């Protein structure tokens, strides 16, 4: 009983000392923007200086990690938005055009469908590419080569963003590791897509 009382006394003292020495943290200091979290009145967006260089004139940055979508190194003024009837990117980046204009060609992975053919049997069993689905992690991604740009890859700006000269809000200590020597500038997605999948 005596040990229990001593233990409780120590716990109470530690709690009091801990609470007394820890200052209160205001809600405004919790986020990255450091303003009132209940209103947008004092919130301003950091000015972003996007590249204004014409296509072929800008410095091209390395990919952020292996197979990361590369940044758009040139101005996108007049090229966006991409609509179902207009994608100006294709005028320079289609593989048959890119070499003649000095542009980076759209990679082979954009001319492939990775979607499995799914079928539901009468008994409710789900099949993907003829394989009964128990655990989708064990099913390799299908690589169905198409004769045109995959419609799922048509909207370039859903993955690719313009380069900008901007100070990061938090320090980034990430250091990418590339498994291929051209990984900083080229995609090898089709070569590594099913690595580690049974």
C-alpha atoms as a PDB file:
ATOM      1  CA  UNK A   1       0.000   0.000   0.000  1.00  0.00           C
ATOM      2  CA  UNK A   2       2.868   2.311   0.885  1.00  0.00           C
ATOM      3  CA  UNK A   3       4.505   1.691  -2.559  1.00  0.00           C
ATOM      4  CA  UNK A   4       1.196   2.462  -4.290  1.00  0.00           C
ATOM      5  CA  UNK A   5       0.835   5.790  -2.435  1.00  0.00           C
ATOM      6  CA  UNK A   6       4.437   6.763  -3.248  1.00  0.00           C
ATOM      7  CA  UNK A   7       3.856   5.835  -6.909  1.00  0.00           C
ATOM      8  CA  UNK A   8       0.664   7.899  -7.115  1.00  0.00           C
ATOM      9  CA  UNK A   9       2.346  10.849  -5.381  1.00  0.00           C
ATOM     10  CA  UNK A  10       5.217  10.768  -7.897  1.00  0.00           C
ATOM     11  CA  UNK A  11       2.720  10.602 -10.781  1.00  0.00           C
ATOM     12  CA  UNK A  12       0.739  13.605  -9.450  1.00  0.00           C
ATOM     13  CA  UNK A  13       3.925  15.669  -8.956  1.00  0.00           C
ATOM     14  CA  UNK A  14       5.186  14.792 -12.465  1.00  0.00           C
ATOM     15  CA  UNK A  15       1.830  15.786 -13.992  1.00  0.00           C
ATOM     16  CA  UNK A  16       1.782  19.141 -12.153  1.00  0.00           C
ATOM     17  CA  UNK A  17       5.403  19.921 -13.069  1.00  0.00           C
ATOM     18  CA  UNK A  18       4.833  18.838 -16.688  1.00  0.00           C
ATOM     19  CA  UNK A  19       1.748  21.003 -17.107  1.00  0.00           C
ATOM     20  CA  UNK A  20       3.386  23.991 -15.430  1.00  0.00           C
ATOM     21  CA  UNK A  21       6.486  23.896 -17.665  1.00  0.00           C
ATOM     22  CA  UNK A  22       4.699  23.348 -21.019  1.00  0.00           C
ATOM     23  CA  UNK A  23       3.430  26.612 -22.523  1.00  0.00           C
ATOM     24  CA  UNK A  24       0.081  26.714 -24.238  1.00  0.00           C
ATOM     25  CA  UNK A  25       0.303  26.469 -28.029  1.00  0.00           C
ATOM     26  CA  UNK A  26      -2.060  28.712 -29.961  1.00  0.00           C
ATOM     27  CA  UNK A  27      -4.143  27.187 -32.734  1.00  0.00           C
ATOM     28  CA  UNK A  28      -2.792  29.824 -35.146  1.00  0.00           C
ATOM     29  CA  UNK A  29       0.720  28.411 -34.811  1.00  0.00           C
ATOM     30  CA  UNK A  30      -0.237  24.811 -35.606  1.00  0.00           C
ATOM     31  CA  UNK A  31      -0.468  24.917 -39.407  1.00  0.00           C
ATOM     32  CA  UNK A  32       1.896  26.027 -42.138  1.00  0.00           C
ATOM     33  CA  UNK A  33       0.037  29.263 -42.865  1.00  0.00           C
ATOM     34  CA  UNK A  34       0.260  30.695 -39.285  1.00  0.00           C
ATOM     35  CA  UNK A  35      -3.074  32.525 -39.449  1.00  0.00           C
ATOM     36  CA  UNK A  36      -6.488  32.166 -37.851  1.00  0.00           C
ATOM     37  CA  UNK A  37      -7.765  28.684 -38.701  1.00  0.00           C
ATOM     38  CA  UNK A  38     -11.413  29.722 -38.463  1.00  0.00           C
ATOM     39  CA  UNK A  39     -11.352  32.407 -41.146  1.00  0.00           C
ATOM     40  CA  UNK A  40      -9.545  33.122 -44.412  1.00  0.00           C
ATOM     41  CA  UNK A  41      -9.414  36.917 -43.811  1.00  0.00           C
ATOM     42  CA  UNK A  42      -5.688  37.074 -43.004  1.00  0.00           C
ATOM     43  CA  UNK A  43      -4.634  34.203 -45.243  1.00  0.00           C
ATOM     44  CA  UNK A  44      -2.634  35.072 -48.322  1.00  0.00           C
ATOM     45  CA  UNK A  45      -1.220  32.740 -50.928  1.00  0.00           C
ATOM     46  CA  UNK A  46       2.512  32.836 -51.532  1.00  0.00           C
ATOM     47  CA  UNK A  47       3.308  34.464 -54.882  1.00  0.00           C
ATOM     48  CA  UNK A  48       4.434  31.774 -57.295  1.00  0.00           C
ATOM     49  CA  UNK A  49       6.917  32.674 -60.000  1.00  0.00           C
ATOM     50  CA  UNK A  50       6.220  30.143 -62.753  1.00  0.00           C
ATOM     51  CA  UNK A  51       8.724  29.741 -65.530  1.00  0.00           C
ATOM     52  CA  UNK A  52       8.058  32.058 -68.445  1.00  0.00           C
ATOM     53  CA  UNK A  53      10.549  30.455 -70.836  1.00  0.00           C
ATOM     54  CA  UNK A  54       9.310  29.315 -74.211  1.00  0.00           C
ATOM     55  CA  UNK A  55       9.354  25.594 -75.027  1.00  0.00           C
ATOM     56  CA  UNK A  56      12.938  24.442 -75.574  1.00  0.00           C
ATOM     57  CA  UNK A  57      14.418  27.458 -73.730  1.00  0.00           C
ATOM     58  CA  UNK A  58      14.055  26.501 -70.047  1.00  0.00           C
ATOM     59  CA  UNK A  59      16.287  24.521 -67.718  1.00  0.00           C
ATOM     60  CA  UNK A  60      14.873  21.034 -67.220  1.00  0.00           C
ATOM     61  CA  UNK A  61      14.941  19.767 -63.630  1.00  0.00           C
ATOM     62  CA  UNK A  62      15.562  16.143 -62.649  1.00  0.00           C
ATOM     63  CA  UNK A  63      12.587  14.034 -61.638  1.00  0.00           C
ATOM     64  CA  UNK A  64      11.732  14.145 -57.939  1.00  0.00           C
ATOM     65  CA  UNK A  65      11.932  10.348 -57.666  1.00  0.00           C
ATOM     66  CA  UNK A  66      12.066   7.368 -60.020  1.00  0.00           C
ATOM     67  CA  UNK A  67       9.200   7.481 -62.524  1.00  0.00           C
ATOM     68  CA  UNK A  68       7.861  10.733 -61.069  1.00  0.00           C
ATOM     69  CA  UNK A  69       5.959  12.794 -63.627  1.00  0.00           C
ATOM     70  CA  UNK A  70       8.476  15.335 -64.922  1.00  0.00           C
ATOM     71  CA  UNK A  71       7.752  19.015 -64.359  1.00  0.00           C
ATOM     72  CA  UNK A  72       6.732  21.156 -67.326  1.00  0.00           C
ATOM     73  CA  UNK A  73       9.850  23.273 -67.977  1.00  0.00           C
ATOM     74  CA  UNK A  74       8.233  25.890 -70.207  1.00  0.00           C
ATOM     75  CA  UNK A  75       5.431  28.423 -69.954  1.00  0.00           C
ATOM     76  CA  UNK A  76       1.942  26.925 -70.197  1.00  0.00           C
ATOM     77  CA  UNK A  77       0.282  30.178 -71.187  1.00  0.00           C
ATOM     78  CA  UNK A  78      -2.169  29.455 -73.992  1.00  0.00           C
ATOM     79  CA  UNK A  79      -1.721  25.689 -73.568  1.00  0.00           C
ATOM     80  CA  UNK A  80      -4.145  25.175 -70.693  1.00  0.00           C
ATOM     81  CA  UNK A  81      -6.795  24.172 -69.969  1.00  0.00           C
ATOM     82  CA  UNK A  82      -6.723  20.813 -71.700  1.00  0.00           C
ATOM     83  CA  UNK A  83     -10.186  19.867 -72.920  1.00  0.00           C
ATOM     84  CA  UNK A  84     -11.562  16.738 -74.574  1.00  0.00           C
ATOM     85  CA  UNK A  85     -11.283  18.543 -77.916  1.00  0.00           C
ATOM     86  CA  UNK A  86      -7.927  20.265 -77.423  1.00  0.00           C
ATOM     87  CA  UNK A  87      -4.605  19.124 -75.999  1.00  0.00           C
ATOM     88  CA  UNK A  88      -1.826  21.419 -77.255  1.00  0.00           C
ATOM     89  CA  UNK A  89       0.839  19.244 -75.568  1.00  0.00           C
ATOM     90  CA  UNK A  90       0.365  16.541 -78.201  1.00  0.00           C
ATOM     91  CA  UNK A  91       1.499  18.895 -80.975  1.00  0.00           C
ATOM     92  CA  UNK A  92       5.118  18.615 -79.747  1.00  0.00           C
ATOM     93  CA  UNK A  93       5.296  15.606 -77.415  1.00  0.00           C
ATOM     94  CA  UNK A  94       3.833  12.747 -79.490  1.00  0.00           C
ATOM     95  CA  UNK A  95       6.679  10.267 -80.111  1.00  0.00           C
ATOM     96  CA  UNK A  96       6.553  10.687 -83.900  1.00  0.00           C
ATOM     97  CA  UNK A  97       6.880  14.511 -83.600  1.00  0.00           C
ATOM     98  CA  UNK A  98       9.068  15.076 -80.509  1.00  0.00           C
ATOM     99  CA  UNK A  99      12.508  14.353 -82.061  1.00  0.00           C
ATOM    100  CA  UNK A 100      11.961  16.828 -84.909  1.00  0.00           C
ATOM    101  CA  UNK A 101      11.094  19.687 -82.519  1.00  0.00           C
ATOM    102  CA  UNK A 102      13.533  18.784 -79.726  1.00  0.00           C
ATOM    103  CA  UNK A 103      10.798  17.910 -77.227  1.00  0.00           C
ATOM    104  CA  UNK A 104      10.661  15.050 -74.734  1.00  0.00           C
ATOM    105  CA  UNK A 105       8.474  12.292 -76.191  1.00  0.00           C
ATOM    106  CA  UNK A 106       5.486  10.955 -74.281  1.00  0.00           C
ATOM    107  CA  UNK A 107       6.739   7.652 -72.782  1.00  0.00           C
ATOM    108  CA  UNK A 108       5.560   4.232 -73.879  1.00  0.00           C
ATOM    109  CA  UNK A 109       3.680   3.828 -70.553  1.00  0.00           C
ATOM    110  CA  UNK A 110       1.123   6.377 -71.814  1.00  0.00           C
ATOM    111  CA  UNK A 111       0.235   4.097 -74.738  1.00  0.00           C
ATOM    112  CA  UNK A 112      -0.676   1.152 -72.488  1.00  0.00           C
ATOM    113  CA  UNK A 113      -3.792   0.198 -70.562  1.00  0.00           C
ATOM    114  CA  UNK A 114      -3.130  -1.172 -67.080  1.00  0.00           C
ATOM    115  CA  UNK A 115      -6.786  -1.911 -66.404  1.00  0.00           C
ATOM    116  CA  UNK A 116      -7.584  -5.595 -66.058  1.00  0.00           C
ATOM    117  CA  UNK A 117     -10.565  -7.089 -67.837  1.00  0.00           C
ATOM    118  CA  UNK A 118     -13.014  -7.657 -64.976  1.00  0.00           C
ATOM    119  CA  UNK A 119     -15.816 -10.214 -65.027  1.00  0.00           C
ATOM    120  CA  UNK A 120     -18.334 -11.184 -62.320  1.00  0.00           C
ATOM    121  CA  UNK A 121     -19.427 -14.821 -62.498  1.00  0.00           C
ATOM    122  CA  UNK A 122     -23.061 -15.876 -61.824  1.00  0.00           C
ATOM    123  CA  UNK A 123     -22.019 -17.072 -58.341  1.00  0.00           C
ATOM    124  CA  UNK A 124     -20.565 -13.617 -57.522  1.00  0.00           C
ATOM    125  CA  UNK A 125     -16.911 -14.597 -57.993  1.00  0.00           C
ATOM    126  CA  UNK A 126     -14.855 -11.722 -59.364  1.00  0.00           C
ATOM    127  CA  UNK A 127     -12.277 -12.438 -62.059  1.00  0.00           C
ATOM    128  CA  UNK A 128      -9.608 -10.025 -63.245  1.00  0.00           C
ATOM    129  CA  UNK A 129      -7.933 -11.165 -66.461  1.00  0.00           C
ATOM    130  CA  UNK A 130      -9.272 -14.658 -65.759  1.00  0.00           C
ATOM    131  CA  UNK A 131      -7.811 -14.840 -62.218  1.00  0.00           C
ATOM    132  CA  UNK A 132     -10.114 -15.208 -59.199  1.00  0.00           C
ATOM    133  CA  UNK A 133      -9.676 -12.131 -57.029  1.00  0.00           C
ATOM    134  CA  UNK A 134      -8.739 -12.968 -53.465  1.00  0.00           C
ATOM    135  CA  UNK A 135      -6.012 -10.405 -52.876  1.00  0.00           C
ATOM    136  CA  UNK A 136      -5.404  -7.802 -55.586  1.00  0.00           C
ATOM    137  CA  UNK A 137      -1.823  -7.291 -54.346  1.00  0.00           C
ATOM    138  CA  UNK A 138      -0.921 -10.667 -55.850  1.00  0.00           C
ATOM    139  CA  UNK A 139      -2.277  -9.907 -59.320  1.00  0.00           C
ATOM    140  CA  UNK A 140       0.288  -8.411 -61.710  1.00  0.00           C
ATOM    141  CA  UNK A 141      -0.831  -5.285 -63.534  1.00  0.00           C
ATOM    142  CA  UNK A 142      -1.791  -6.108 -67.101  1.00  0.00           C
ATOM    143  CA  UNK A 143       0.212  -4.352 -69.772  1.00  0.00           C
ATOM    144  CA  UNK A 144      -2.108  -4.065 -72.765  1.00  0.00           C
ATOM    145  CA  UNK A 145      -0.291  -2.084 -75.491  1.00  0.00           C
ATOM    146  CA  UNK A 146      -2.546   0.298 -77.388  1.00  0.00           C
ATOM    147  CA  UNK A 147      -2.136   1.841 -80.826  1.00  0.00           C
ATOM    148  CA  UNK A 148      -2.965   5.313 -79.516  1.00  0.00           C
ATOM    149  CA  UNK A 149      -2.503   7.485 -76.442  1.00  0.00           C
ATOM    150  CA  UNK A 150      -4.456   5.972 -73.543  1.00  0.00           C
ATOM    151  CA  UNK A 151      -7.485   8.190 -72.838  1.00  0.00           C
ATOM    152  CA  UNK A 152      -6.658   7.961 -69.103  1.00  0.00           C
ATOM    153  CA  UNK A 153      -3.377   9.786 -69.906  1.00  0.00           C
ATOM    154  CA  UNK A 154      -4.895  12.494 -72.159  1.00  0.00           C
ATOM    155  CA  UNK A 155      -5.112  15.190 -69.452  1.00  0.00           C
ATOM    156  CA  UNK A 156      -1.379  15.895 -69.025  1.00  0.00           C
ATOM    157  CA  UNK A 157      -1.887  18.497 -66.283  1.00  0.00           C
ATOM    158  CA  UNK A 158      -3.442  15.954 -63.900  1.00  0.00           C
ATOM    159  CA  UNK A 159       0.126  14.723 -63.229  1.00  0.00           C
ATOM    160  CA  UNK A 160       2.522  17.232 -64.794  1.00  0.00           C
ATOM    161  CA  UNK A 161       2.802  20.732 -63.297  1.00  0.00           C
ATOM    162  CA  UNK A 162       4.785  23.808 -64.371  1.00  0.00           C
ATOM    163  CA  UNK A 163       8.170  24.437 -62.775  1.00  0.00           C
ATOM    164  CA  UNK A 164       8.138  27.315 -60.319  1.00  0.00           C
ATOM    165  CA  UNK A 165      10.750  29.209 -58.362  1.00  0.00           C
ATOM    166  CA  UNK A 166       9.280  29.033 -54.867  1.00  0.00           C
ATOM    167  CA  UNK A 167      10.574  28.600 -51.335  1.00  0.00           C
ATOM    168  CA  UNK A 168       9.260  25.363 -49.784  1.00  0.00           C
ATOM    169  CA  UNK A 169       7.119  25.750 -46.658  1.00  0.00           C
ATOM    170  CA  UNK A 170       9.006  22.917 -44.972  1.00  0.00           C
ATOM    171  CA  UNK A 171      12.533  21.632 -45.520  1.00  0.00           C
ATOM    172  CA  UNK A 172      12.667  18.535 -47.707  1.00  0.00           C
ATOM    173  CA  UNK A 173      15.333  16.019 -46.687  1.00  0.00           C
ATOM    174  CA  UNK A 174      14.205  13.397 -49.198  1.00  0.00           C
ATOM    175  CA  UNK A 175      17.001  12.088 -51.423  1.00  0.00           C
ATOM    176  CA  UNK A 176      15.774   9.958 -54.339  1.00  0.00           C
ATOM    177  CA  UNK A 177      17.450   6.718 -55.326  1.00  0.00           C
ATOM    178  CA  UNK A 178      17.315   5.849 -59.007  1.00  0.00           C
ATOM    179  CA  UNK A 179      17.689   2.218 -60.083  1.00  0.00           C
ATOM    180  CA  UNK A 180      18.629   3.092 -63.657  1.00  0.00           C
ATOM    181  CA  UNK A 181      21.276   5.526 -64.855  1.00  0.00           C
ATOM    182  CA  UNK A 182      18.765   7.615 -66.882  1.00  0.00           C
ATOM    183  CA  UNK A 183      16.076   7.501 -64.153  1.00  0.00           C
ATOM    184  CA  UNK A 184      16.515  11.216 -63.414  1.00  0.00           C
ATOM    185  CA  UNK A 185      15.337  12.073 -66.929  1.00  0.00           C
ATOM    186  CA  UNK A 186      13.512   9.033 -68.315  1.00  0.00           C
ATOM    187  CA  UNK A 187      10.709   6.671 -67.308  1.00  0.00           C
ATOM    188  CA  UNK A 188      11.315   2.938 -66.889  1.00  0.00           C
ATOM    189  CA  UNK A 189       7.834   2.255 -65.506  1.00  0.00           C
ATOM    190  CA  UNK A 190       6.996  -0.590 -67.874  1.00  0.00           C
ATOM    191  CA  UNK A 191      10.243  -2.362 -66.935  1.00  0.00           C
ATOM    192  CA  UNK A 192       9.638  -2.205 -63.167  1.00  0.00           C
ATOM    193  CA  UNK A 193       5.846  -2.141 -62.898  1.00  0.00           C
ATOM    194  CA  UNK A 194       5.384  -5.707 -61.688  1.00  0.00           C
ATOM    195  CA  UNK A 195       8.566  -6.053 -59.626  1.00  0.00           C
ATOM    196  CA  UNK A 196       7.815  -7.839 -56.374  1.00  0.00           C
ATOM    197  CA  UNK A 197       4.356  -8.993 -57.502  1.00  0.00           C
ATOM    198  CA  UNK A 198       3.766 -12.756 -57.516  1.00  0.00           C
END
